[in-house]
């Protein structure tokens, strides 16, 4: 079951949905995995292809190690420093990148790349 929390003018909202309604995260067919153009949305995956992070970026952001402490702790403690990068969608405007992140339920939608 997937649990979502949110704040609104009505207070705290909690919702739940069955996991079977969640769509697997797959890259679009035209996503350039080596040299993404403009803004793009990417995922970091462990060695079992489980997504542990989704973000947006430009240039080489998806491959950058300039991350917060929680990301470092997870990658180095649980993954031995090894992870995969998958470009989910590229050639986006900044607004399209934020919308795409929100579609995937990412909390990184408002952060800058």
C-alpha atoms as a PDB file:
ATOM      1  CA  UNK A   1       0.000   0.000   0.000  1.00  0.00           C
ATOM      2  CA  UNK A   2       1.252   3.481  -0.862  1.00  0.00           C
ATOM      3  CA  UNK A   3       0.634   6.191   1.741  1.00  0.00           C
ATOM      4  CA  UNK A   4       0.727   9.883   0.780  1.00  0.00           C
ATOM      5  CA  UNK A   5       0.759  12.868   3.132  1.00  0.00           C
ATOM      6  CA  UNK A   6       0.047  16.453   2.214  1.00  0.00           C
ATOM      7  CA  UNK A   7      -0.778  19.853   3.637  1.00  0.00           C
ATOM      8  CA  UNK A   8      -3.624  21.958   2.361  1.00  0.00           C
ATOM      9  CA  UNK A   9      -5.727  24.826   3.621  1.00  0.00           C
ATOM     10  CA  UNK A  10      -7.945  22.139   5.182  1.00  0.00           C
ATOM     11  CA  UNK A  11      -5.065  20.697   7.224  1.00  0.00           C
ATOM     12  CA  UNK A  12      -3.095  17.494   6.875  1.00  0.00           C
ATOM     13  CA  UNK A  13      -4.385  15.087   4.243  1.00  0.00           C
ATOM     14  CA  UNK A  14      -3.548  11.388   4.225  1.00  0.00           C
ATOM     15  CA  UNK A  15      -4.389   9.081   1.357  1.00  0.00           C
ATOM     16  CA  UNK A  16      -3.676   5.455   0.588  1.00  0.00           C
ATOM     17  CA  UNK A  17      -3.696   3.544  -2.671  1.00  0.00           C
ATOM     18  CA  UNK A  18      -2.960  -0.078  -3.471  1.00  0.00           C
ATOM     19  CA  UNK A  19       0.508  -0.693  -4.899  1.00  0.00           C
ATOM     20  CA  UNK A  20      -0.911  -2.564  -7.858  1.00  0.00           C
ATOM     21  CA  UNK A  21      -2.131   0.779  -9.256  1.00  0.00           C
ATOM     22  CA  UNK A  22       1.421   2.157  -9.350  1.00  0.00           C
ATOM     23  CA  UNK A  23       3.014   2.163 -12.779  1.00  0.00           C
ATOM     24  CA  UNK A  24       6.599   0.936 -13.121  1.00  0.00           C
ATOM     25  CA  UNK A  25       9.093   3.667 -13.847  1.00  0.00           C
ATOM     26  CA  UNK A  26      10.451   3.216 -17.350  1.00  0.00           C
ATOM     27  CA  UNK A  27      12.491   5.590 -19.479  1.00  0.00           C
ATOM     28  CA  UNK A  28      10.798   7.050 -22.521  1.00  0.00           C
ATOM     29  CA  UNK A  29      12.044   5.504 -25.752  1.00  0.00           C
ATOM     30  CA  UNK A  30      13.687   8.740 -26.892  1.00  0.00           C
ATOM     31  CA  UNK A  31      15.548   9.403 -23.601  1.00  0.00           C
ATOM     32  CA  UNK A  32      19.263   9.724 -24.415  1.00  0.00           C
ATOM     33  CA  UNK A  33      20.999   7.694 -21.690  1.00  0.00           C
ATOM     34  CA  UNK A  34      24.482   9.122 -22.310  1.00  0.00           C
ATOM     35  CA  UNK A  35      23.978  12.777 -23.240  1.00  0.00           C
ATOM     36  CA  UNK A  36      20.531  14.036 -22.205  1.00  0.00           C
ATOM     37  CA  UNK A  37      19.491  17.372 -23.709  1.00  0.00           C
ATOM     38  CA  UNK A  38      18.147  20.418 -21.891  1.00  0.00           C
ATOM     39  CA  UNK A  39      16.311  19.616 -18.652  1.00  0.00           C
ATOM     40  CA  UNK A  40      15.694  15.969 -17.894  1.00  0.00           C
ATOM     41  CA  UNK A  41      14.311  13.658 -15.214  1.00  0.00           C
ATOM     42  CA  UNK A  42      16.464  10.779 -14.014  1.00  0.00           C
ATOM     43  CA  UNK A  43      16.385   7.894 -11.567  1.00  0.00           C
ATOM     44  CA  UNK A  44      19.067   6.289  -9.432  1.00  0.00           C
ATOM     45  CA  UNK A  45      18.666   2.517  -9.097  1.00  0.00           C
ATOM     46  CA  UNK A  46      20.286  -0.130  -6.945  1.00  0.00           C
ATOM     47  CA  UNK A  47      21.757  -3.363  -8.364  1.00  0.00           C
ATOM     48  CA  UNK A  48      18.282  -4.986  -8.418  1.00  0.00           C
ATOM     49  CA  UNK A  49      16.889  -2.127 -10.558  1.00  0.00           C
ATOM     50  CA  UNK A  50      14.902  -0.738  -7.612  1.00  0.00           C
ATOM     51  CA  UNK A  51      14.554   3.051  -7.837  1.00  0.00           C
ATOM     52  CA  UNK A  52      15.762   4.843  -4.701  1.00  0.00           C
ATOM     53  CA  UNK A  53      15.955   8.420  -6.002  1.00  0.00           C
ATOM     54  CA  UNK A  54      14.298  10.503  -8.726  1.00  0.00           C
ATOM     55  CA  UNK A  55      15.534  13.970  -9.616  1.00  0.00           C
ATOM     56  CA  UNK A  56      15.731  16.550 -12.381  1.00  0.00           C
ATOM     57  CA  UNK A  57      18.825  18.014 -13.882  1.00  0.00           C
ATOM     58  CA  UNK A  58      20.789  19.586 -16.700  1.00  0.00           C
ATOM     59  CA  UNK A  59      24.172  18.697 -18.130  1.00  0.00           C
ATOM     60  CA  UNK A  60      25.784  15.928 -16.006  1.00  0.00           C
ATOM     61  CA  UNK A  61      23.652  16.346 -12.835  1.00  0.00           C
ATOM     62  CA  UNK A  62      22.391  12.736 -12.874  1.00  0.00           C
ATOM     63  CA  UNK A  63      25.999  11.498 -12.548  1.00  0.00           C
ATOM     64  CA  UNK A  64      27.098  14.094  -9.978  1.00  0.00           C
ATOM     65  CA  UNK A  65      27.996  13.049  -6.428  1.00  0.00           C
ATOM     66  CA  UNK A  66      27.054  16.507  -5.097  1.00  0.00           C
ATOM     67  CA  UNK A  67      24.203  15.157  -2.936  1.00  0.00           C
ATOM     68  CA  UNK A  68      22.766  15.523   0.548  1.00  0.00           C
ATOM     69  CA  UNK A  69      23.824  13.377   3.496  1.00  0.00           C
ATOM     70  CA  UNK A  70      20.878  10.984   3.304  1.00  0.00           C
ATOM     71  CA  UNK A  71      21.703  10.064  -0.299  1.00  0.00           C
ATOM     72  CA  UNK A  72      25.368   9.458   0.618  1.00  0.00           C
ATOM     73  CA  UNK A  73      24.458   7.345   3.620  1.00  0.00           C
ATOM     74  CA  UNK A  74      22.131   5.147   1.598  1.00  0.00           C
ATOM     75  CA  UNK A  75      24.463   4.752  -1.393  1.00  0.00           C
ATOM     76  CA  UNK A  76      27.610   4.031   0.609  1.00  0.00           C
ATOM     77  CA  UNK A  77      26.134   2.080   3.523  1.00  0.00           C
ATOM     78  CA  UNK A  78      23.586  -0.028   1.633  1.00  0.00           C
ATOM     79  CA  UNK A  79      24.892  -0.074  -1.940  1.00  0.00           C
ATOM     80  CA  UNK A  80      28.646  -0.016  -1.429  1.00  0.00           C
ATOM     81  CA  UNK A  81      28.840   3.190  -3.477  1.00  0.00           C
ATOM     82  CA  UNK A  82      27.438   1.507  -6.588  1.00  0.00           C
ATOM     83  CA  UNK A  83      24.259   2.613  -8.349  1.00  0.00           C
ATOM     84  CA  UNK A  84      22.872   3.010 -11.860  1.00  0.00           C
ATOM     85  CA  UNK A  85      21.615   6.159 -13.568  1.00  0.00           C
ATOM     86  CA  UNK A  86      18.620   5.980 -15.859  1.00  0.00           C
ATOM     87  CA  UNK A  87      17.376   9.004 -17.815  1.00  0.00           C
ATOM     88  CA  UNK A  88      13.578   8.795 -17.708  1.00  0.00           C
ATOM     89  CA  UNK A  89      12.702  11.722 -19.945  1.00  0.00           C
ATOM     90  CA  UNK A  90      14.841  14.358 -21.637  1.00  0.00           C
ATOM     91  CA  UNK A  91      14.645  17.501 -23.735  1.00  0.00           C
ATOM     92  CA  UNK A  92      12.196  19.120 -21.296  1.00  0.00           C
ATOM     93  CA  UNK A  93      11.562  22.695 -20.244  1.00  0.00           C
ATOM     94  CA  UNK A  94      12.127  23.416 -16.545  1.00  0.00           C
ATOM     95  CA  UNK A  95       8.347  23.373 -16.004  1.00  0.00           C
ATOM     96  CA  UNK A  96       7.929  20.044 -17.815  1.00  0.00           C
ATOM     97  CA  UNK A  97      10.689  18.539 -15.647  1.00  0.00           C
ATOM     98  CA  UNK A  98       8.881  19.625 -12.461  1.00  0.00           C
ATOM     99  CA  UNK A  99       5.556  18.209 -13.752  1.00  0.00           C
ATOM    100  CA  UNK A 100       7.236  14.920 -14.634  1.00  0.00           C
ATOM    101  CA  UNK A 101       8.773  14.685 -11.156  1.00  0.00           C
ATOM    102  CA  UNK A 102       5.377  15.272  -9.582  1.00  0.00           C
ATOM    103  CA  UNK A 103       3.863  12.513 -11.727  1.00  0.00           C
ATOM    104  CA  UNK A 104       6.411  10.136 -10.212  1.00  0.00           C
ATOM    105  CA  UNK A 105       5.601  11.343  -6.690  1.00  0.00           C
ATOM    106  CA  UNK A 106       9.036  12.865  -6.139  1.00  0.00           C
ATOM    107  CA  UNK A 107       9.598  15.261  -3.265  1.00  0.00           C
ATOM    108  CA  UNK A 108      12.457  16.802  -5.280  1.00  0.00           C
ATOM    109  CA  UNK A 109      10.127  18.663  -7.636  1.00  0.00           C
ATOM    110  CA  UNK A 110      10.773  22.085  -6.147  1.00  0.00           C
ATOM    111  CA  UNK A 111      14.541  21.735  -5.641  1.00  0.00           C
ATOM    112  CA  UNK A 112      16.883  23.333  -8.134  1.00  0.00           C
ATOM    113  CA  UNK A 113      19.262  21.171 -10.122  1.00  0.00           C
END
